[in-house]
Amino acid sequence: MASGAVTEMPLPPPVPPVQPDLEDCCRSGCVPCVFDLYEEALARYERELAAWEAANAAVPPASPAKPS
């Protein structure tokens, strides 16, 4: 087993939801509508992104490796 410092890789940022096309709505008054689901997913994404940004603001960027 190799010895040395263990570097933690930062988690990737959350992926935004895909906005539905107008054609994705059947216009029959579904509850929930695909646009309601998108709005919920977008709100969840924004919360997750804010948490990710806050968590990664405290982590200093990795320094580039120095040539030997």
N, C-alpha and C. Protein backbone atom coordinates (compact mmCIF):
# COMPACT_ATOMS: atom_id res chain seq x y z
N MET A 1 0.84 -1.17 0.00
CA MET A 1 0.00 0.00 0.00
C MET A 1 0.89 1.24 0.00
N ALA A 2 0.57 2.22 -0.80
CA ALA A 2 1.36 3.45 -0.90
C ALA A 2 1.06 4.35 0.28
N SER A 3 2.10 5.01 0.76
CA SER A 3 1.88 5.94 1.86
C SER A 3 1.87 7.35 1.30
N GLY A 4 1.37 8.27 2.09
CA GLY A 4 1.30 9.65 1.64
C GLY A 4 -0.01 10.28 2.02
N ALA A 5 -0.11 11.54 1.71
CA ALA A 5 -1.33 12.27 2.06
C ALA A 5 -2.48 11.83 1.17
N VAL A 6 -3.62 11.73 1.78
CA VAL A 6 -4.83 11.39 1.04
C VAL A 6 -5.51 12.70 0.67
N THR A 7 -5.75 12.89 -0.61
CA THR A 7 -6.43 14.11 -1.04
C THR A 7 -7.87 13.77 -1.35
N GLU A 8 -8.74 14.60 -0.84
CA GLU A 8 -10.17 14.39 -1.06
C GLU A 8 -10.58 15.10 -2.33
N MET A 9 -11.22 14.37 -3.21
CA MET A 9 -11.72 14.96 -4.44
C MET A 9 -13.04 15.64 -4.14
N PRO A 10 -13.21 16.87 -4.59
CA PRO A 10 -14.50 17.54 -4.35
C PRO A 10 -15.61 16.86 -5.14
N LEU A 11 -16.78 16.87 -4.56
CA LEU A 11 -17.94 16.31 -5.25
C LEU A 11 -18.29 17.20 -6.44
N PRO A 12 -18.77 16.63 -7.52
CA PRO A 12 -19.17 17.46 -8.67
C PRO A 12 -20.42 18.26 -8.31
N PRO A 13 -20.62 19.38 -8.97
CA PRO A 13 -21.82 20.17 -8.68
C PRO A 13 -23.07 19.42 -9.12
N PRO A 14 -24.21 19.76 -8.52
CA PRO A 14 -25.45 19.10 -8.95
C PRO A 14 -25.78 19.47 -10.39
N VAL A 15 -26.51 18.60 -11.04
CA VAL A 15 -26.89 18.80 -12.44
C VAL A 15 -28.29 19.41 -12.48
N PRO A 16 -28.46 20.51 -13.24
CA PRO A 16 -29.79 21.12 -13.30
C PRO A 16 -30.79 20.21 -14.01
N PRO A 17 -32.06 20.34 -13.65
CA PRO A 17 -33.07 19.52 -14.32
C PRO A 17 -33.28 20.01 -15.76
N VAL A 18 -33.75 19.12 -16.58
CA VAL A 18 -34.03 19.46 -17.98
C VAL A 18 -35.43 20.05 -18.05
N GLN A 19 -35.51 21.25 -18.62
CA GLN A 19 -36.82 21.90 -18.74
C GLN A 19 -37.65 21.19 -19.80
N PRO A 20 -38.90 20.86 -19.47
CA PRO A 20 -39.74 20.20 -20.46
C PRO A 20 -40.09 21.15 -21.60
N ASP A 21 -40.30 20.59 -22.77
CA ASP A 21 -40.75 21.37 -23.91
C ASP A 21 -42.25 21.62 -23.77
N LEU A 22 -42.75 22.62 -24.46
CA LEU A 22 -44.19 22.90 -24.42
C LEU A 22 -45.00 21.68 -24.85
N GLU A 23 -44.44 20.91 -25.79
CA GLU A 23 -45.14 19.73 -26.29
C GLU A 23 -45.23 18.61 -25.25
N ASP A 24 -44.42 18.71 -24.18
CA ASP A 24 -44.44 17.68 -23.14
C ASP A 24 -45.68 17.77 -22.26
N CYS A 25 -46.35 18.91 -22.29
CA CYS A 25 -47.57 19.10 -21.51
C CYS A 25 -48.76 18.66 -22.36
N CYS A 26 -49.63 17.84 -21.76
CA CYS A 26 -50.80 17.34 -22.51
C CYS A 26 -51.98 18.32 -22.44
N ARG A 27 -51.86 19.36 -21.61
CA ARG A 27 -52.87 20.41 -21.46
C ARG A 27 -54.24 19.87 -21.03
N SER A 28 -54.21 18.80 -20.24
CA SER A 28 -55.48 18.26 -19.75
C SER A 28 -55.66 18.49 -18.25
N GLY A 29 -54.81 19.33 -17.67
CA GLY A 29 -54.96 19.66 -16.26
C GLY A 29 -54.41 18.62 -15.30
N CYS A 30 -53.42 17.87 -15.73
CA CYS A 30 -52.82 16.85 -14.86
C CYS A 30 -52.30 17.48 -13.57
N VAL A 31 -52.45 16.75 -12.50
CA VAL A 31 -51.88 17.18 -11.22
C VAL A 31 -51.02 16.04 -10.71
N PRO A 32 -49.72 16.18 -10.71
CA PRO A 32 -49.00 17.38 -11.10
C PRO A 32 -48.72 17.40 -12.61
N CYS A 33 -48.59 18.60 -13.12
CA CYS A 33 -48.21 18.80 -14.52
C CYS A 33 -46.69 18.63 -14.64
N VAL A 34 -46.21 18.32 -15.84
CA VAL A 34 -44.77 18.19 -16.03
C VAL A 34 -44.05 19.48 -15.66
N PHE A 35 -44.72 20.62 -15.82
CA PHE A 35 -44.10 21.89 -15.46
C PHE A 35 -44.07 22.08 -13.94
N ASP A 36 -45.05 21.54 -13.22
CA ASP A 36 -45.01 21.55 -11.76
C ASP A 36 -43.82 20.72 -11.27
N LEU A 37 -43.65 19.55 -11.86
CA LEU A 37 -42.54 18.68 -11.48
C LEU A 37 -41.20 19.35 -11.78
N TYR A 38 -41.13 20.06 -12.90
CA TYR A 38 -39.90 20.77 -13.26
C TYR A 38 -39.61 21.87 -12.24
N GLU A 39 -40.63 22.63 -11.86
CA GLU A 39 -40.44 23.70 -10.87
C GLU A 39 -39.94 23.14 -9.54
N GLU A 40 -40.48 22.00 -9.12
CA GLU A 40 -40.02 21.36 -7.89
C GLU A 40 -38.57 20.91 -8.02
N ALA A 41 -38.25 20.32 -9.16
CA ALA A 41 -36.88 19.85 -9.40
C ALA A 41 -35.91 21.04 -9.47
N LEU A 42 -36.35 22.14 -10.06
CA LEU A 42 -35.51 23.33 -10.15
C LEU A 42 -35.25 23.92 -8.77
N ALA A 43 -36.27 23.97 -7.93
CA ALA A 43 -36.09 24.47 -6.56
C ALA A 43 -35.12 23.58 -5.78
N ARG A 44 -35.27 22.26 -5.94
CA ARG A 44 -34.37 21.31 -5.27
C ARG A 44 -32.94 21.50 -5.77
N TYR A 45 -32.78 21.67 -7.08
CA TYR A 45 -31.45 21.91 -7.67
C TYR A 45 -30.82 23.17 -7.10
N GLU A 46 -31.60 24.24 -7.00
CA GLU A 46 -31.06 25.50 -6.48
C GLU A 46 -30.60 25.35 -5.03
N ARG A 47 -31.36 24.60 -4.22
CA ARG A 47 -30.95 24.34 -2.83
C ARG A 47 -29.66 23.51 -2.80
N GLU A 48 -29.61 22.47 -3.62
CA GLU A 48 -28.43 21.61 -3.66
C GLU A 48 -27.21 22.37 -4.17
N LEU A 49 -27.41 23.25 -5.15
CA LEU A 49 -26.31 24.05 -5.68
C LEU A 49 -25.78 25.01 -4.62
N ALA A 50 -26.68 25.65 -3.89
CA ALA A 50 -26.26 26.56 -2.82
C ALA A 50 -25.46 25.81 -1.75
N ALA A 51 -25.92 24.62 -1.39
CA ALA A 51 -25.21 23.81 -0.40
C ALA A 51 -23.85 23.38 -0.94
N TRP A 52 -23.81 23.00 -2.21
CA TRP A 52 -22.55 22.59 -2.83
C TRP A 52 -21.57 23.76 -2.86
N GLU A 53 -22.06 24.95 -3.25
CA GLU A 53 -21.18 26.13 -3.30
C GLU A 53 -20.66 26.47 -1.92
N ALA A 54 -21.52 26.38 -0.90
CA ALA A 54 -21.09 26.69 0.47
C ALA A 54 -20.04 25.68 0.94
N ALA A 55 -20.25 24.41 0.64
CA ALA A 55 -19.31 23.38 1.07
C ALA A 55 -17.97 23.53 0.35
N ASN A 56 -18.01 23.93 -0.91
CA ASN A 56 -16.77 24.05 -1.67
C ASN A 56 -16.08 25.39 -1.49
N ALA A 57 -16.77 26.36 -0.92
CA ALA A 57 -16.13 27.65 -0.64
C ALA A 57 -15.12 27.49 0.48
N ALA A 58 -15.36 26.54 1.38
CA ALA A 58 -14.47 26.32 2.52
C ALA A 58 -13.27 25.47 2.14
N VAL A 59 -13.32 24.80 1.00
CA VAL A 59 -12.24 23.92 0.57
C VAL A 59 -11.32 24.70 -0.36
N PRO A 60 -10.04 24.86 0.02
CA PRO A 60 -9.13 25.57 -0.87
C PRO A 60 -8.90 24.75 -2.14
N PRO A 61 -8.69 25.43 -3.26
CA PRO A 61 -8.45 24.70 -4.51
C PRO A 61 -7.15 23.91 -4.41
N ALA A 62 -7.10 22.79 -5.08
CA ALA A 62 -5.90 21.95 -5.08
C ALA A 62 -4.79 22.70 -5.80
N SER A 63 -3.60 22.66 -5.21
CA SER A 63 -2.48 23.33 -5.85
C SER A 63 -1.92 22.42 -6.95
N PRO A 64 -1.48 23.02 -8.04
CA PRO A 64 -0.94 22.21 -9.13
C PRO A 64 0.35 21.51 -8.68
N ALA A 65 0.59 20.36 -9.23
CA ALA A 65 1.80 19.60 -8.90
C ALA A 65 3.02 20.36 -9.40
N LYS A 66 4.04 20.38 -8.56
CA LYS A 66 5.28 21.06 -8.95
C LYS A 66 6.18 20.06 -9.67
N PRO A 67 6.80 20.49 -10.76
CA PRO A 67 7.71 19.59 -11.46
C PRO A 67 8.91 19.25 -10.58
N SER A 68 9.41 18.06 -10.70
CA SER A 68 10.55 17.62 -9.88
C SER A 68 11.85 18.08 -10.46
